[in-house]
Amino acid sequence: MELFYNPLSRSCQKVLIALYEKQANFFPRIINLHDPLERRRYAELYPLCSLPLLKTKDNWQLPDSSIIIEYVDQQIHAGTQLIPREPQTNLRTKMLDRLIDNQLYRTLYDMEKHQRLPEQMQQQLLIKQHEKQLRLVLLELENQLKQHHWLCGDGFTLADCALIPALNSLPKEIQLMEFYELSRYWQQAELRGSWQLVEEEVEQAQAALHSGIQPPP
């Protein structure tokens, strides 16, 4: 398997957590889509040019983080079972994964994009709306965690792979201490071996970015 990704992407971090949880063997292919030459080369492989992308042994190209994780969970029986078999837990896991991807990730992306604008172009009302939306989603996740050790029960699942990168990139306006269960959850997540491996790679990528060195193709 080959994984095309960038460590600074939340969706890519989500997939990396899952691969480490599954003890999967894969070839890492770090892609910098902001580099025109590198983007053009990648577009020859995958014209839609989105990350992450998993190229399987059978030459399937799987472009969605949740689909990649479900495929890997089906193919590799070692490590953590990320997609629960019990129907209700399975449905809850996928529901919370969609909530995190469609609401939490999207709001974080919109907020970060807006905050990168010149200060005179930023709209404080819009920023406040983003903050309110983040808190609403976090409150829903807080309520889920009142009953569970991990997000969907005692076991680590797809939903946890999605949530951890989001919590790691919350803006300074959102203090995790506002949420008792999420704070408890984050403390145990930081000790998870799979996240520690991803965190190391993120730190290396951030250091390379700040030094002006582009990540290798």
N, C-alpha and C. Protein backbone atom coordinates (compact mmCIF):
# COMPACT_ATOMS: atom_id res chain seq x y z
N MET A 1 0.84 -1.19 0.00
CA MET A 1 0.00 0.00 0.00
C MET A 1 0.88 1.24 0.00
N GLU A 2 0.42 2.26 -0.70
CA GLU A 2 1.08 3.56 -0.69
C GLU A 2 0.10 4.61 -0.18
N LEU A 3 0.56 5.43 0.75
CA LEU A 3 -0.27 6.51 1.26
C LEU A 3 0.31 7.84 0.79
N PHE A 4 -0.48 8.57 0.02
CA PHE A 4 -0.12 9.92 -0.40
C PHE A 4 -0.80 10.89 0.58
N TYR A 5 0.00 11.73 1.22
CA TYR A 5 -0.54 12.54 2.31
C TYR A 5 0.38 13.71 2.62
N ASN A 6 -0.12 14.58 3.49
CA ASN A 6 0.71 15.63 4.07
C ASN A 6 0.48 15.62 5.57
N PRO A 7 1.53 15.55 6.37
CA PRO A 7 1.36 15.43 7.83
C PRO A 7 0.61 16.59 8.47
N LEU A 8 0.56 17.75 7.80
CA LEU A 8 -0.09 18.91 8.40
C LEU A 8 -1.60 18.94 8.15
N SER A 9 -2.10 17.97 7.41
CA SER A 9 -3.53 17.89 7.13
C SER A 9 -4.22 17.04 8.21
N ARG A 10 -5.31 17.55 8.76
CA ARG A 10 -6.06 16.79 9.77
C ARG A 10 -6.57 15.47 9.23
N SER A 11 -7.09 15.48 8.01
CA SER A 11 -7.61 14.24 7.42
C SER A 11 -6.50 13.21 7.24
N CYS A 12 -5.31 13.68 6.90
CA CYS A 12 -4.17 12.78 6.75
C CYS A 12 -3.72 12.25 8.10
N GLN A 13 -3.72 13.11 9.12
CA GLN A 13 -3.38 12.66 10.47
C GLN A 13 -4.35 11.58 10.94
N LYS A 14 -5.61 11.76 10.62
CA LYS A 14 -6.65 10.79 10.96
C LYS A 14 -6.31 9.41 10.38
N VAL A 15 -5.89 9.38 9.12
CA VAL A 15 -5.54 8.11 8.47
C VAL A 15 -4.26 7.53 9.07
N LEU A 16 -3.29 8.38 9.34
CA LEU A 16 -2.04 7.89 9.94
C LEU A 16 -2.29 7.23 11.29
N ILE A 17 -3.14 7.84 12.12
CA ILE A 17 -3.48 7.23 13.41
C ILE A 17 -4.01 5.82 13.18
N ALA A 18 -4.93 5.69 12.23
CA ALA A 18 -5.54 4.39 11.96
C ALA A 18 -4.51 3.37 11.48
N LEU A 19 -3.63 3.78 10.59
CA LEU A 19 -2.61 2.86 10.08
C LEU A 19 -1.68 2.38 11.19
N TYR A 20 -1.32 3.29 12.09
CA TYR A 20 -0.47 2.89 13.21
C TYR A 20 -1.23 1.99 14.19
N GLU A 21 -2.52 2.27 14.39
CA GLU A 21 -3.34 1.41 15.24
C GLU A 21 -3.43 -0.01 14.67
N LYS A 22 -3.47 -0.11 13.34
CA LYS A 22 -3.59 -1.41 12.66
C LYS A 22 -2.23 -2.08 12.45
N GLN A 23 -1.14 -1.39 12.84
CA GLN A 23 0.21 -1.91 12.63
C GLN A 23 0.44 -2.23 11.15
N ALA A 24 -0.04 -1.34 10.31
CA ALA A 24 -0.03 -1.56 8.86
C ALA A 24 1.33 -1.21 8.26
N ASN A 25 1.75 -1.99 7.27
CA ASN A 25 2.93 -1.66 6.48
C ASN A 25 2.49 -0.86 5.26
N PHE A 26 3.09 0.32 5.08
CA PHE A 26 2.72 1.14 3.93
C PHE A 26 3.91 2.01 3.54
N PHE A 27 3.90 2.42 2.26
CA PHE A 27 4.93 3.32 1.76
C PHE A 27 4.44 4.76 1.89
N PRO A 28 5.11 5.60 2.68
CA PRO A 28 4.66 6.99 2.82
C PRO A 28 5.11 7.83 1.63
N ARG A 29 4.18 8.60 1.08
CA ARG A 29 4.48 9.49 -0.03
C ARG A 29 3.98 10.89 0.36
N ILE A 30 4.87 11.70 0.91
CA ILE A 30 4.47 13.04 1.36
C ILE A 30 4.34 13.97 0.16
N ILE A 31 3.19 14.64 0.08
CA ILE A 31 2.88 15.49 -1.06
C ILE A 31 2.66 16.93 -0.59
N ASN A 32 3.30 17.86 -1.27
CA ASN A 32 3.08 19.29 -1.00
C ASN A 32 2.29 19.87 -2.17
N LEU A 33 0.98 20.01 -1.99
CA LEU A 33 0.12 20.49 -3.07
C LEU A 33 0.33 21.96 -3.37
N HIS A 34 1.05 22.68 -2.51
CA HIS A 34 1.32 24.10 -2.78
C HIS A 34 2.49 24.30 -3.73
N ASP A 35 3.22 23.23 -3.97
CA ASP A 35 4.31 23.28 -4.94
C ASP A 35 3.75 22.95 -6.32
N PRO A 36 3.79 23.89 -7.29
CA PRO A 36 3.15 23.67 -8.60
C PRO A 36 3.66 22.43 -9.33
N LEU A 37 4.97 22.20 -9.31
CA LEU A 37 5.53 21.05 -10.01
C LEU A 37 5.08 19.74 -9.36
N GLU A 38 5.13 19.73 -8.03
CA GLU A 38 4.73 18.53 -7.30
C GLU A 38 3.24 18.26 -7.48
N ARG A 39 2.44 19.32 -7.48
CA ARG A 39 1.00 19.17 -7.68
C ARG A 39 0.70 18.61 -9.07
N ARG A 40 1.44 19.09 -10.07
CA ARG A 40 1.22 18.61 -11.43
C ARG A 40 1.56 17.12 -11.55
N ARG A 41 2.65 16.71 -10.92
CA ARG A 41 3.02 15.29 -10.95
C ARG A 41 1.97 14.43 -10.25
N TYR A 42 1.48 14.92 -9.12
CA TYR A 42 0.46 14.17 -8.37
C TYR A 42 -0.84 14.10 -9.16
N ALA A 43 -1.17 15.17 -9.88
CA ALA A 43 -2.40 15.20 -10.68
C ALA A 43 -2.38 14.16 -11.79
N GLU A 44 -1.19 13.78 -12.23
CA GLU A 44 -1.10 12.72 -13.24
C GLU A 44 -1.55 11.38 -12.66
N LEU A 45 -1.32 11.19 -11.37
CA LEU A 45 -1.78 9.98 -10.70
C LEU A 45 -3.25 10.09 -10.32
N TYR A 46 -3.62 11.25 -9.74
CA TYR A 46 -4.97 11.44 -9.23
C TYR A 46 -5.44 12.85 -9.60
N PRO A 47 -6.16 12.99 -10.71
CA PRO A 47 -6.51 14.32 -11.24
C PRO A 47 -7.27 15.22 -10.26
N LEU A 48 -8.03 14.64 -9.32
CA LEU A 48 -8.77 15.48 -8.37
C LEU A 48 -7.85 16.13 -7.34
N CYS A 49 -6.66 15.61 -7.21
CA CYS A 49 -5.60 16.26 -6.43
C CYS A 49 -5.97 16.52 -4.97
N SER A 50 -6.64 15.59 -4.33
CA SER A 50 -6.96 15.75 -2.91
C SER A 50 -6.14 14.73 -2.11
N LEU A 51 -5.96 15.04 -0.85
CA LEU A 51 -5.25 14.18 0.09
C LEU A 51 -6.15 13.90 1.29
N PRO A 52 -6.02 12.73 1.90
CA PRO A 52 -5.10 11.63 1.59
C PRO A 52 -5.61 10.75 0.46
N LEU A 53 -4.71 9.92 -0.05
CA LEU A 53 -5.05 8.94 -1.08
C LEU A 53 -4.30 7.66 -0.77
N LEU A 54 -5.02 6.55 -0.73
CA LEU A 54 -4.38 5.25 -0.53
C LEU A 54 -4.41 4.47 -1.83
N LYS A 55 -3.24 4.05 -2.27
CA LYS A 55 -3.14 3.18 -3.45
C LYS A 55 -2.90 1.76 -2.94
N THR A 56 -3.84 0.87 -3.21
CA THR A 56 -3.77 -0.48 -2.66
C THR A 56 -2.91 -1.39 -3.52
N LYS A 57 -2.67 -2.60 -3.03
CA LYS A 57 -1.90 -3.59 -3.79
C LYS A 57 -2.57 -3.92 -5.11
N ASP A 58 -3.90 -3.79 -5.15
CA ASP A 58 -4.66 -4.07 -6.37
C ASP A 58 -4.82 -2.84 -7.25
N ASN A 59 -4.07 -1.78 -6.91
CA ASN A 59 -4.10 -0.52 -7.66
C ASN A 59 -5.44 0.21 -7.57
N TRP A 60 -6.20 -0.05 -6.51
CA TRP A 60 -7.35 0.80 -6.20
C TRP A 60 -6.82 2.13 -5.68
N GLN A 61 -7.55 3.17 -5.96
CA GLN A 61 -7.23 4.49 -5.41
C GLN A 61 -8.38 4.93 -4.51
N LEU A 62 -8.12 4.97 -3.22
CA LEU A 62 -9.15 5.34 -2.24
C LEU A 62 -8.84 6.73 -1.71
N PRO A 63 -9.71 7.72 -2.01
CA PRO A 63 -9.38 9.11 -1.70
C PRO A 63 -9.98 9.70 -0.43
N ASP A 64 -10.85 9.00 0.26
CA ASP A 64 -11.55 9.57 1.42
C ASP A 64 -11.00 8.95 2.70
N SER A 65 -10.75 9.77 3.72
CA SER A 65 -10.11 9.27 4.93
C SER A 65 -10.93 8.15 5.60
N SER A 66 -12.23 8.32 5.69
CA SER A 66 -13.06 7.30 6.34
C SER A 66 -13.10 6.00 5.52
N ILE A 67 -13.17 6.12 4.20
CA ILE A 67 -13.16 4.94 3.33
C ILE A 67 -11.81 4.23 3.44
N ILE A 68 -10.72 4.99 3.47
CA ILE A 68 -9.39 4.39 3.63
C ILE A 68 -9.33 3.58 4.92
N ILE A 69 -9.81 4.17 6.00
CA ILE A 69 -9.75 3.49 7.30
C ILE A 69 -10.63 2.25 7.31
N GLU A 70 -11.80 2.33 6.71
CA GLU A 70 -12.67 1.14 6.66
C GLU A 70 -12.02 0.03 5.83
N TYR A 71 -11.40 0.41 4.72
CA TYR A 71 -10.71 -0.59 3.88
C TYR A 71 -9.59 -1.25 4.66
N VAL A 72 -8.76 -0.45 5.32
CA VAL A 72 -7.62 -1.00 6.08
C VAL A 72 -8.11 -1.89 7.21
N ASP A 73 -9.19 -1.50 7.87
CA ASP A 73 -9.74 -2.28 8.97
C ASP A 73 -10.25 -3.64 8.47
N GLN A 74 -10.79 -3.66 7.25
CA GLN A 74 -11.27 -4.92 6.68
C GLN A 74 -10.12 -5.82 6.25
N GLN A 75 -9.05 -5.21 5.74
CA GLN A 75 -7.96 -5.99 5.16
C GLN A 75 -6.95 -6.48 6.20
N ILE A 76 -6.79 -5.73 7.28
CA ILE A 76 -5.77 -6.06 8.28
C ILE A 76 -6.47 -6.42 9.58
N HIS A 77 -6.27 -7.64 10.03
CA HIS A 77 -6.96 -8.11 11.23
C HIS A 77 -6.14 -7.88 12.50
N ALA A 78 -4.87 -7.51 12.33
CA ALA A 78 -4.03 -7.21 13.50
C ALA A 78 -4.40 -5.84 14.07
N GLY A 79 -3.91 -5.59 15.27
CA GLY A 79 -4.09 -4.27 15.86
C GLY A 79 -5.51 -4.00 16.31
N THR A 80 -5.85 -2.73 16.37
CA THR A 80 -7.14 -2.27 16.89
C THR A 80 -8.24 -2.44 15.85
N GLN A 81 -9.39 -2.95 16.28
CA GLN A 81 -10.55 -2.99 15.40
C GLN A 81 -11.22 -1.63 15.44
N LEU A 82 -11.15 -0.91 14.33
CA LEU A 82 -11.58 0.49 14.30
C LEU A 82 -13.04 0.66 13.90
N ILE A 83 -13.60 -0.31 13.21
CA ILE A 83 -15.02 -0.27 12.82
C ILE A 83 -15.74 -1.37 13.61
N PRO A 84 -16.46 -1.01 14.66
CA PRO A 84 -17.10 -2.03 15.50
C PRO A 84 -18.08 -2.89 14.71
N ARG A 85 -18.17 -4.15 15.11
CA ARG A 85 -19.10 -5.07 14.42
C ARG A 85 -20.52 -4.96 14.97
N GLU A 86 -20.63 -4.64 16.24
CA GLU A 86 -21.97 -4.54 16.85
C GLU A 86 -22.74 -3.41 16.16
N PRO A 87 -23.96 -3.70 15.65
CA PRO A 87 -24.65 -2.75 14.77
C PRO A 87 -24.83 -1.35 15.35
N GLN A 88 -25.28 -1.24 16.61
CA GLN A 88 -25.52 0.10 17.18
C GLN A 88 -24.23 0.89 17.34
N THR A 89 -23.19 0.21 17.82
CA THR A 89 -21.90 0.89 18.00
C THR A 89 -21.30 1.25 16.64
N ASN A 90 -21.49 0.36 15.67
CA ASN A 90 -21.02 0.63 14.31
C ASN A 90 -21.66 1.90 13.76
N LEU A 91 -22.97 2.01 13.94
CA LEU A 91 -23.69 3.18 13.44
C LEU A 91 -23.29 4.44 14.18
N ARG A 92 -23.14 4.35 15.51
CA ARG A 92 -22.72 5.52 16.29
C ARG A 92 -21.32 5.98 15.89
N THR A 93 -20.44 5.02 15.66
CA THR A 93 -19.07 5.35 15.24
C THR A 93 -19.06 6.13 13.93
N LYS A 94 -19.82 5.63 12.96
CA LYS A 94 -19.86 6.29 11.65
C LYS A 94 -20.58 7.64 11.73
N MET A 95 -21.60 7.73 12.58
CA MET A 95 -22.32 8.98 12.74
C MET A 95 -21.41 10.06 13.33
N LEU A 96 -20.65 9.71 14.37
CA LEU A 96 -19.76 10.68 15.00
C LEU A 96 -18.58 11.03 14.09
N ASP A 97 -18.12 10.06 13.33
CA ASP A 97 -17.07 10.34 12.34
C ASP A 97 -17.55 11.37 11.33
N ARG A 98 -18.79 11.23 10.87
CA ARG A 98 -19.35 12.19 9.90
C ARG A 98 -19.54 13.56 10.56
N LEU A 99 -19.98 13.56 11.82
CA LEU A 99 -20.15 14.84 12.53
C LEU A 99 -18.81 15.58 12.63
N ILE A 100 -17.77 14.86 12.97
CA ILE A 100 -16.44 15.48 13.12
C ILE A 100 -15.93 15.97 11.77
N ASP A 101 -16.05 15.14 10.74
CA ASP A 101 -15.57 15.54 9.41
C ASP A 101 -16.37 16.71 8.84
N ASN A 102 -17.68 16.60 8.90
CA ASN A 102 -18.54 17.58 8.22
C ASN A 102 -18.76 18.86 9.01
N GLN A 103 -18.67 18.79 10.32
CA GLN A 103 -18.91 19.97 11.15
C GLN A 103 -17.62 20.52 11.77
N LEU A 104 -16.92 19.67 12.51
CA LEU A 104 -15.73 20.15 13.23
C LEU A 104 -14.60 20.51 12.27
N TYR A 105 -14.25 19.59 11.38
CA TYR A 105 -13.17 19.86 10.42
C TYR A 105 -13.52 21.05 9.53
N ARG A 106 -14.74 21.08 9.04
CA ARG A 106 -15.15 22.15 8.12
C ARG A 106 -15.11 23.52 8.81
N THR A 107 -15.61 23.58 10.04
CA THR A 107 -15.60 24.86 10.76
C THR A 107 -14.18 25.31 11.07
N LEU A 108 -13.33 24.37 11.47
CA LEU A 108 -11.92 24.72 11.71
C LEU A 108 -11.26 25.24 10.44
N TYR A 109 -11.54 24.58 9.32
CA TYR A 109 -10.96 25.01 8.05
C TYR A 109 -11.43 26.42 7.68
N ASP A 110 -12.73 26.66 7.80
CA ASP A 110 -13.27 27.98 7.46
C ASP A 110 -12.70 29.06 8.37
N MET A 111 -12.56 28.73 9.64
CA MET A 111 -12.04 29.70 10.60
C MET A 111 -10.57 30.02 10.30
N GLU A 112 -9.77 29.00 10.03
CA GLU A 112 -8.36 29.20 9.73
C GLU A 112 -8.18 29.98 8.43
N LYS A 113 -8.99 29.66 7.44
CA LYS A 113 -8.91 30.37 6.17
C LYS A 113 -9.23 31.85 6.35
N HIS A 114 -10.25 32.13 7.15
CA HIS A 114 -10.64 33.52 7.39
C HIS A 114 -9.56 34.28 8.16
N GLN A 115 -8.95 33.62 9.14
CA GLN A 115 -7.95 34.27 9.97
C GLN A 115 -6.63 34.52 9.23
N ARG A 116 -6.44 33.85 8.10
CA ARG A 116 -5.25 34.11 7.29
C ARG A 116 -5.40 35.36 6.42
N LEU A 117 -6.60 35.89 6.35
CA LEU A 117 -6.81 37.11 5.59
C LEU A 117 -6.12 38.29 6.28
N PRO A 118 -5.80 39.35 5.53
CA PRO A 118 -5.29 40.57 6.17
C PRO A 118 -6.27 41.05 7.24
N GLU A 119 -5.74 41.60 8.31
CA GLU A 119 -6.57 41.97 9.46
C GLU A 119 -7.74 42.87 9.08
N GLN A 120 -7.50 43.79 8.13
CA GLN A 120 -8.57 44.72 7.74
C GLN A 120 -9.70 44.02 6.99
N MET A 121 -9.45 42.80 6.51
CA MET A 121 -10.48 42.06 5.77
C MET A 121 -11.23 41.06 6.65
N GLN A 122 -10.75 40.86 7.86
CA GLN A 122 -11.39 39.89 8.75
C GLN A 122 -12.69 40.46 9.32
N GLN A 123 -13.69 39.60 9.39
CA GLN A 123 -14.98 40.00 9.94
C GLN A 123 -15.16 39.36 11.31
N GLN A 124 -15.17 40.18 12.34
CA GLN A 124 -15.24 39.65 13.70
C GLN A 124 -16.54 38.88 13.96
N LEU A 125 -17.62 39.32 13.33
CA LEU A 125 -18.89 38.63 13.50
C LEU A 125 -18.80 37.21 12.96
N LEU A 126 -18.14 37.05 11.82
CA LEU A 126 -17.98 35.72 11.22
C LEU A 126 -17.12 34.83 12.10
N ILE A 127 -16.06 35.40 12.65
CA ILE A 127 -15.20 34.63 13.55
C ILE A 127 -15.99 34.16 14.77
N LYS A 128 -16.84 35.03 15.32
CA LYS A 128 -17.66 34.66 16.47
C LYS A 128 -18.65 33.54 16.11
N GLN A 129 -19.18 33.60 14.89
CA GLN A 129 -20.09 32.55 14.43
C GLN A 129 -19.37 31.21 14.34
N HIS A 130 -18.14 31.25 13.85
CA HIS A 130 -17.34 30.02 13.78
C HIS A 130 -17.08 29.47 15.19
N GLU A 131 -16.74 30.35 16.11
CA GLU A 131 -16.49 29.93 17.49
C GLU A 131 -17.74 29.29 18.10
N LYS A 132 -18.88 29.90 17.85
CA LYS A 132 -20.13 29.36 18.38
C LYS A 132 -20.41 27.97 17.82
N GLN A 133 -20.17 27.79 16.52
CA GLN A 133 -20.39 26.50 15.89
C GLN A 133 -19.43 25.45 16.46
N LEU A 134 -18.18 25.82 16.67
CA LEU A 134 -17.22 24.89 17.26
C LEU A 134 -17.68 24.44 18.64
N ARG A 135 -18.13 25.38 19.45
CA ARG A 135 -18.56 25.05 20.81
C ARG A 135 -19.78 24.13 20.79
N LEU A 136 -20.68 24.33 19.85
CA LEU A 136 -21.86 23.47 19.75
C LEU A 136 -21.47 22.03 19.43
N VAL A 137 -20.54 21.86 18.50
CA VAL A 137 -20.10 20.51 18.14
C VAL A 137 -19.33 19.88 19.30
N LEU A 138 -18.46 20.67 19.94
CA LEU A 138 -17.70 20.15 21.07
C LEU A 138 -18.62 19.76 22.22
N LEU A 139 -19.69 20.51 22.42
CA LEU A 139 -20.65 20.18 23.48
C LEU A 139 -21.34 18.84 23.18
N GLU A 140 -21.66 18.60 21.92
CA GLU A 140 -22.25 17.32 21.54
C GLU A 140 -21.28 16.17 21.82
N LEU A 141 -20.01 16.37 21.50
CA LEU A 141 -19.00 15.34 21.76
C LEU A 141 -18.78 15.17 23.27
N GLU A 142 -18.83 16.27 24.01
CA GLU A 142 -18.72 16.23 25.47
C GLU A 142 -19.82 15.34 26.06
N ASN A 143 -21.02 15.48 25.55
CA ASN A 143 -22.14 14.68 26.04
C ASN A 143 -21.95 13.20 25.73
N GLN A 144 -21.39 12.91 24.56
CA GLN A 144 -21.11 11.52 24.20
C GLN A 144 -20.10 10.90 25.16
N LEU A 145 -19.12 11.69 25.57
CA LEU A 145 -18.04 11.17 26.40
C LEU A 145 -18.44 10.99 27.87
N LYS A 146 -19.58 11.54 28.26
CA LYS A 146 -20.04 11.34 29.64
C LYS A 146 -20.35 9.88 29.92
N GLN A 147 -20.61 9.12 28.86
CA GLN A 147 -20.99 7.72 29.02
C GLN A 147 -19.89 6.75 28.59
N HIS A 148 -18.80 7.27 28.00
CA HIS A 148 -17.83 6.37 27.40
C HIS A 148 -16.39 6.77 27.73
N HIS A 149 -15.52 5.78 27.72
CA HIS A 149 -14.09 6.02 27.93
C HIS A 149 -13.49 6.67 26.68
N TRP A 150 -13.66 6.00 25.53
CA TRP A 150 -13.37 6.61 24.25
C TRP A 150 -14.68 7.13 23.68
N LEU A 151 -14.67 7.62 22.47
CA LEU A 151 -15.84 8.34 21.98
C LEU A 151 -17.06 7.44 21.82
N CYS A 152 -16.85 6.17 21.46
CA CYS A 152 -17.99 5.28 21.20
C CYS A 152 -18.04 4.09 22.15
N GLY A 153 -17.29 4.15 23.22
CA GLY A 153 -17.31 3.04 24.17
C GLY A 153 -15.94 2.84 24.78
N ASP A 154 -15.65 1.59 25.18
CA ASP A 154 -14.37 1.28 25.79
C ASP A 154 -13.26 1.14 24.75
N GLY A 155 -13.64 0.86 23.49
CA GLY A 155 -12.65 0.63 22.45
C GLY A 155 -12.37 1.87 21.61
N PHE A 156 -11.15 1.95 21.11
CA PHE A 156 -10.70 3.04 20.23
C PHE A 156 -11.21 2.75 18.82
N THR A 157 -11.86 3.75 18.18
CA THR A 157 -12.51 3.52 16.89
C THR A 157 -12.15 4.59 15.86
N LEU A 158 -12.74 4.42 14.69
CA LEU A 158 -12.66 5.40 13.61
C LEU A 158 -12.96 6.81 14.11
N ALA A 159 -13.97 6.96 14.96
CA ALA A 159 -14.37 8.28 15.46
C ALA A 159 -13.25 8.94 16.26
N ASP A 160 -12.48 8.14 17.00
CA ASP A 160 -11.35 8.69 17.76
C ASP A 160 -10.22 9.11 16.83
N CYS A 161 -10.01 8.34 15.77
CA CYS A 161 -9.01 8.73 14.75
C CYS A 161 -9.34 10.11 14.20
N ALA A 162 -10.63 10.40 14.05
CA ALA A 162 -11.06 11.69 13.51
C ALA A 162 -10.96 12.81 14.55
N LEU A 163 -11.33 12.52 15.79
CA LEU A 163 -11.44 13.58 16.79
C LEU A 163 -10.08 14.10 17.25
N ILE A 164 -9.11 13.23 17.44
CA ILE A 164 -7.83 13.65 18.03
C ILE A 164 -7.15 14.76 17.23
N PRO A 165 -7.01 14.65 15.89
CA PRO A 165 -6.38 15.76 15.15
C PRO A 165 -7.15 17.07 15.28
N ALA A 166 -8.47 17.00 15.39
CA ALA A 166 -9.27 18.22 15.53
C ALA A 166 -9.00 18.89 16.88
N LEU A 167 -8.95 18.11 17.95
CA LEU A 167 -8.68 18.68 19.26
C LEU A 167 -7.28 19.29 19.32
N ASN A 168 -6.36 18.68 18.60
CA ASN A 168 -4.99 19.18 18.59
C ASN A 168 -4.86 20.53 17.90
N SER A 169 -5.82 20.88 17.06
CA SER A 169 -5.71 22.12 16.28
C SER A 169 -6.80 23.13 16.61
N LEU A 170 -7.40 23.02 17.79
CA LEU A 170 -8.40 24.00 18.18
C LEU A 170 -7.77 25.39 18.29
N PRO A 171 -8.48 26.43 17.87
CA PRO A 171 -7.92 27.78 17.97
C PRO A 171 -7.82 28.23 19.42
N LYS A 172 -6.99 29.23 19.66
CA LYS A 172 -6.76 29.71 21.03
C LYS A 172 -8.02 30.27 21.67
N GLU A 173 -9.01 30.63 20.84
CA GLU A 173 -10.26 31.16 21.38
C GLU A 173 -11.08 30.08 22.10
N ILE A 174 -10.79 28.82 21.79
CA ILE A 174 -11.52 27.71 22.39
C ILE A 174 -10.60 27.02 23.39
N GLN A 175 -10.94 27.11 24.66
CA GLN A 175 -10.15 26.48 25.71
C GLN A 175 -10.75 25.11 26.04
N LEU A 176 -9.95 24.07 25.88
CA LEU A 176 -10.45 22.72 26.14
C LEU A 176 -10.87 22.55 27.60
N MET A 177 -10.31 23.37 28.48
CA MET A 177 -10.67 23.29 29.90
C MET A 177 -12.13 23.63 30.15
N GLU A 178 -12.78 24.24 29.14
CA GLU A 178 -14.22 24.53 29.27
C GLU A 178 -15.04 23.24 29.29
N PHE A 179 -14.43 22.15 28.82
CA PHE A 179 -15.15 20.88 28.65
C PHE A 179 -14.46 19.80 29.48
N TYR A 180 -15.09 19.39 30.56
CA TYR A 180 -14.46 18.46 31.50
C TYR A 180 -14.13 17.13 30.82
N GLU A 181 -15.10 16.53 30.14
CA GLU A 181 -14.90 15.21 29.55
C GLU A 181 -13.90 15.26 28.40
N LEU A 182 -13.96 16.29 27.59
CA LEU A 182 -13.02 16.42 26.48
C LEU A 182 -11.60 16.63 26.99
N SER A 183 -11.45 17.36 28.09
CA SER A 183 -10.12 17.53 28.71
C SER A 183 -9.58 16.19 29.18
N ARG A 184 -10.44 15.42 29.84
CA ARG A 184 -10.05 14.07 30.29
C ARG A 184 -9.68 13.20 29.09
N TYR A 185 -10.49 13.28 28.06
CA TYR A 185 -10.25 12.50 26.83
C TYR A 185 -8.91 12.88 26.20
N TRP A 186 -8.62 14.18 26.13
CA TRP A 186 -7.38 14.64 25.49
C TRP A 186 -6.15 14.16 26.25
N GLN A 187 -6.24 14.10 27.57
CA GLN A 187 -5.11 13.61 28.37
C GLN A 187 -4.78 12.17 28.04
N GLN A 188 -5.81 11.33 27.86
CA GLN A 188 -5.54 9.93 27.52
C GLN A 188 -5.14 9.78 26.06
N ALA A 189 -5.68 10.66 25.20
CA ALA A 189 -5.30 10.60 23.78
C ALA A 189 -3.83 10.92 23.58
N GLU A 190 -3.32 11.86 24.37
CA GLU A 190 -1.90 12.25 24.25
C GLU A 190 -0.96 11.10 24.61
N LEU A 191 -1.44 10.13 25.36
CA LEU A 191 -0.62 8.98 25.74
C LEU A 191 -0.75 7.82 24.76
N ARG A 192 -1.64 7.96 23.78
CA ARG A 192 -1.85 6.89 22.81
C ARG A 192 -0.65 6.81 21.86
N GLY A 193 -0.08 5.62 21.73
CA GLY A 193 1.12 5.46 20.92
C GLY A 193 0.95 5.89 19.48
N SER A 194 -0.19 5.60 18.89
CA SER A 194 -0.43 5.95 17.49
C SER A 194 -0.41 7.46 17.30
N TRP A 195 -1.01 8.20 18.24
CA TRP A 195 -1.01 9.66 18.13
C TRP A 195 0.38 10.23 18.38
N GLN A 196 1.13 9.64 19.28
CA GLN A 196 2.48 10.12 19.54
C GLN A 196 3.35 10.01 18.29
N LEU A 197 3.18 8.92 17.53
CA LEU A 197 3.92 8.76 16.28
C LEU A 197 3.53 9.84 15.26
N VAL A 198 2.23 10.09 15.18
CA VAL A 198 1.74 11.12 14.25
C VAL A 198 2.24 12.49 14.68
N GLU A 199 2.19 12.75 15.97
CA GLU A 199 2.61 14.04 16.50
C GLU A 199 4.07 14.33 16.17
N GLU A 200 4.91 13.31 16.27
CA GLU A 200 6.33 13.47 15.92
C GLU A 200 6.48 13.90 14.46
N GLU A 201 5.69 13.26 13.59
CA GLU A 201 5.77 13.59 12.16
C GLU A 201 5.24 14.99 11.89
N VAL A 202 4.20 15.38 12.60
CA VAL A 202 3.65 16.74 12.45
C VAL A 202 4.69 17.77 12.88
N GLU A 203 5.36 17.52 14.01
CA GLU A 203 6.37 18.45 14.49
C GLU A 203 7.52 18.59 13.51
N GLN A 204 7.94 17.48 12.90
CA GLN A 204 9.00 17.53 11.90
C GLN A 204 8.57 18.34 10.68
N ALA A 205 7.32 18.12 10.24
CA ALA A 205 6.81 18.86 9.08
C ALA A 205 6.69 20.35 9.38
N GLN A 206 6.25 20.68 10.59
CA GLN A 206 6.14 22.10 10.96
C GLN A 206 7.52 22.75 11.02
N ALA A 207 8.50 22.03 11.56
CA ALA A 207 9.86 22.57 11.63
C ALA A 207 10.41 22.80 10.23
N ALA A 208 10.16 21.86 9.32
CA ALA A 208 10.63 22.02 7.94
C ALA A 208 9.94 23.19 7.26
N LEU A 209 8.65 23.35 7.54
CA LEU A 209 7.90 24.46 6.95
C LEU A 209 8.43 25.80 7.42
N HIS A 210 8.69 25.91 8.71
CA HIS A 210 9.16 27.17 9.28
C HIS A 210 10.59 27.50 8.86
N SER A 211 11.37 26.45 8.53
CA SER A 211 12.74 26.68 8.09
C SER A 211 12.83 26.96 6.60
N GLY A 212 11.68 26.82 5.91
CA GLY A 212 11.66 27.07 4.48
C GLY A 212 11.97 25.85 3.65
N ILE A 213 12.16 24.70 4.31
CA ILE A 213 12.45 23.46 3.59
C ILE A 213 11.13 22.78 3.24
N GLN A 214 10.91 22.51 1.98
CA GLN A 214 9.68 21.82 1.58
C GLN A 214 9.79 20.34 1.88
N PRO A 215 8.68 19.69 2.29
CA PRO A 215 8.71 18.25 2.52
C PRO A 215 9.00 17.51 1.22
N PRO A 216 9.68 16.36 1.31
CA PRO A 216 10.04 15.61 0.09
C PRO A 216 8.82 15.07 -0.61
N PRO A 217 8.85 14.87 -1.93
CA PRO A 217 7.72 14.29 -2.65
C PRO A 217 7.52 12.83 -2.32
